[in-house]
Amino acid sequence: MPPSPEAAATWPPLYSWAARDGEGRGAGGVTEAPDRATELLSTALGQLAPGASGAIQIVHFDPQSLPSAYRPGPLLLQMRRDPVTGVKVLELANGQ
């Protein structure tokens, strides 16, 4: 039997990351650590063409959904590769 929604609400947040380029190539995943999500996103962007972009978002596992899924939470940051220079640019959520 899956845990109750109340029990699941006490679980720590997870961090979803995803990167895509203009041709639809990309990578993504979910991890328990925000620093690891940032590292994975940065690595993925480094392997994609300049102009690629990605983001990290908090998610919560929803054991009640069928199939199991993640409920989205707030966006933490966005990252992109400059289309001309290829330099990675980090933009924190809420304009920080």
C-alpha atoms as a PDB file:
ATOM      1  CA  MET A   1       0.000   0.000   0.000  1.00  0.00           C
ATOM      2  CA  PRO A   2       1.471   3.405  -0.915  1.00  0.00           C
ATOM      3  CA  PRO A   3       2.059   5.921   1.847  1.00  0.00           C
ATOM      4  CA  SER A   4      -0.653   8.413   2.649  1.00  0.00           C
ATOM      5  CA  PRO A   5      -0.466  11.896   1.080  1.00  0.00           C
ATOM      6  CA  GLU A   6       0.208  13.270   4.559  1.00  0.00           C
ATOM      7  CA  ALA A   7       3.209  10.959   5.019  1.00  0.00           C
ATOM      8  CA  ALA A   8       4.522  11.703   1.529  1.00  0.00           C
ATOM      9  CA  ALA A   9       4.257  15.451   2.217  1.00  0.00           C
ATOM     10  CA  THR A  10       6.934  15.076   4.914  1.00  0.00           C
ATOM     11  CA  TRP A  11       9.486  13.600   2.505  1.00  0.00           C
ATOM     12  CA  PRO A  12      12.351  15.916   1.533  1.00  0.00           C
ATOM     13  CA  PRO A  13      12.144  17.657  -1.832  1.00  0.00           C
ATOM     14  CA  LEU A  14      13.847  16.307  -4.914  1.00  0.00           C
ATOM     15  CA  TYR A  15      15.509  18.313  -7.670  1.00  0.00           C
ATOM     16  CA  SER A  16      14.566  17.802 -11.308  1.00  0.00           C
ATOM     17  CA  TRP A  17      16.985  19.029 -13.965  1.00  0.00           C
ATOM     18  CA  ALA A  18      16.649  19.075 -17.743  1.00  0.00           C
ATOM     19  CA  ALA A  19      18.716  20.447 -20.628  1.00  0.00           C
ATOM     20  CA  ARG A  20      17.782  20.692 -24.326  1.00  0.00           C
ATOM     21  CA  ASP A  21      19.268  22.182 -27.463  1.00  0.00           C
ATOM     22  CA  GLY A  22      17.545  23.566 -30.536  1.00  0.00           C
ATOM     23  CA  GLU A  23      17.557  20.175 -32.263  1.00  0.00           C
ATOM     24  CA  GLY A  24      15.765  18.387 -29.432  1.00  0.00           C
ATOM     25  CA  ARG A  25      18.824  16.644 -27.988  1.00  0.00           C
ATOM     26  CA  GLY A  26      19.192  16.735 -24.256  1.00  0.00           C
ATOM     27  CA  ALA A  27      19.304  15.040 -20.903  1.00  0.00           C
ATOM     28  CA  GLY A  28      17.535  15.195 -17.588  1.00  0.00           C
ATOM     29  CA  GLY A  29      17.001  13.507 -14.284  1.00  0.00           C
ATOM     30  CA  VAL A  30      16.047  13.761 -10.630  1.00  0.00           C
ATOM     31  CA  THR A  31      18.405  13.819  -7.659  1.00  0.00           C
ATOM     32  CA  GLU A  32      18.207  14.413  -3.906  1.00  0.00           C
ATOM     33  CA  ALA A  33      20.884  17.131  -3.825  1.00  0.00           C
ATOM     34  CA  PRO A  34      20.620  20.598  -5.374  1.00  0.00           C
ATOM     35  CA  ASP A  35      24.402  20.818  -5.876  1.00  0.00           C
ATOM     36  CA  ARG A  36      24.365  17.526  -7.778  1.00  0.00           C
ATOM     37  CA  ALA A  37      21.485  18.745  -9.963  1.00  0.00           C
ATOM     38  CA  THR A  38      23.481  21.891 -10.776  1.00  0.00           C
ATOM     39  CA  GLU A  39      26.565  19.830 -11.624  1.00  0.00           C
ATOM     40  CA  LEU A  40      24.592  17.465 -13.875  1.00  0.00           C
ATOM     41  CA  LEU A  41      22.823  20.333 -15.643  1.00  0.00           C
ATOM     42  CA  SER A  42      26.107  22.162 -16.246  1.00  0.00           C
ATOM     43  CA  THR A  43      27.753  19.003 -17.599  1.00  0.00           C
ATOM     44  CA  ALA A  44      24.817  18.309 -19.923  1.00  0.00           C
ATOM     45  CA  LEU A  45      24.843  21.869 -21.258  1.00  0.00           C
ATOM     46  CA  GLY A  46      28.587  21.576 -21.891  1.00  0.00           C
ATOM     47  CA  GLN A  47      27.920  18.586 -24.133  1.00  0.00           C
ATOM     48  CA  LEU A  48      25.138  20.279 -26.112  1.00  0.00           C
ATOM     49  CA  ALA A  49      25.430  22.906 -28.828  1.00  0.00           C
ATOM     50  CA  PRO A  50      25.708  26.599 -27.969  1.00  0.00           C
ATOM     51  CA  GLY A  51      22.191  27.990 -27.522  1.00  0.00           C
ATOM     52  CA  ALA A  52      21.126  25.031 -25.377  1.00  0.00           C
ATOM     53  CA  SER A  53      19.250  25.789 -22.168  1.00  0.00           C
ATOM     54  CA  GLY A  54      18.034  24.043 -19.064  1.00  0.00           C
ATOM     55  CA  ALA A  55      16.535  24.449 -15.633  1.00  0.00           C
ATOM     56  CA  ILE A  56      16.350  23.000 -12.128  1.00  0.00           C
ATOM     57  CA  GLN A  57      13.006  22.714 -10.364  1.00  0.00           C
ATOM     58  CA  ILE A  58      11.969  21.329  -6.989  1.00  0.00           C
ATOM     59  CA  VAL A  59       9.685  18.304  -7.319  1.00  0.00           C
ATOM     60  CA  HIS A  60       7.914  16.031  -4.843  1.00  0.00           C
ATOM     61  CA  PHE A  61       7.341  12.340  -5.455  1.00  0.00           C
ATOM     62  CA  ASP A  62       3.607  11.559  -5.613  1.00  0.00           C
ATOM     63  CA  PRO A  63       3.102   7.902  -4.670  1.00  0.00           C
ATOM     64  CA  GLN A  64      -0.679   8.222  -5.083  1.00  0.00           C
ATOM     65  CA  SER A  65      -0.577   8.899  -8.828  1.00  0.00           C
ATOM     66  CA  LEU A  66      -0.784   6.084 -11.344  1.00  0.00           C
ATOM     67  CA  PRO A  67       1.759   5.771 -12.775  1.00  0.00           C
ATOM     68  CA  SER A  68       3.909   7.297 -10.055  1.00  0.00           C
ATOM     69  CA  ALA A  69       4.930  10.842 -10.877  1.00  0.00           C
ATOM     70  CA  TYR A  70       6.524  13.981  -9.520  1.00  0.00           C
ATOM     71  CA  ARG A  71       4.491  17.033  -8.508  1.00  0.00           C
ATOM     72  CA  PRO A  72       6.230  20.190  -9.707  1.00  0.00           C
ATOM     73  CA  GLY A  73       7.379  22.823  -7.271  1.00  0.00           C
ATOM     74  CA  PRO A  74       9.160  26.143  -7.707  1.00  0.00           C
ATOM     75  CA  LEU A  75      11.750  26.809 -10.388  1.00  0.00           C
ATOM     76  CA  LEU A  76      15.158  27.343  -8.778  1.00  0.00           C
ATOM     77  CA  LEU A  77      17.391  28.358 -11.649  1.00  0.00           C
ATOM     78  CA  GLN A  78      17.832  28.424 -15.388  1.00  0.00           C
ATOM     79  CA  MET A  79      21.077  27.978 -17.263  1.00  0.00           C
ATOM     80  CA  ARG A  80      21.912  28.472 -20.925  1.00  0.00           C
ATOM     81  CA  ARG A  81      24.863  28.427 -23.268  1.00  0.00           C
ATOM     82  CA  ASP A  82      25.373  31.676 -25.106  1.00  0.00           C
ATOM     83  CA  PRO A  83      24.693  30.944 -28.785  1.00  0.00           C
ATOM     84  CA  VAL A  84      27.758  32.919 -29.921  1.00  0.00           C
ATOM     85  CA  THR A  85      30.426  32.301 -27.282  1.00  0.00           C
ATOM     86  CA  GLY A  86      29.188  29.009 -25.769  1.00  0.00           C
ATOM     87  CA  VAL A  87      29.724  30.458 -22.272  1.00  0.00           C
ATOM     88  CA  LYS A  88      27.294  29.119 -19.665  1.00  0.00           C
ATOM     89  CA  VAL A  89      25.032  31.769 -18.153  1.00  0.00           C
ATOM     90  CA  LEU A  90      23.256  31.114 -14.831  1.00  0.00           C
ATOM     91  CA  GLU A  91      19.997  32.865 -13.949  1.00  0.00           C
ATOM     92  CA  LEU A  92      18.536  32.327 -10.489  1.00  0.00           C
ATOM     93  CA  ALA A  93      14.763  32.244 -10.078  1.00  0.00           C
ATOM     94  CA  ASN A  94      13.037  35.423  -8.887  1.00  0.00           C
ATOM     95  CA  GLY A  95      15.654  37.615 -10.563  1.00  0.00           C
ATOM     96  CA  GLN A  96      18.344  36.916  -7.937  1.00  0.00           C
END
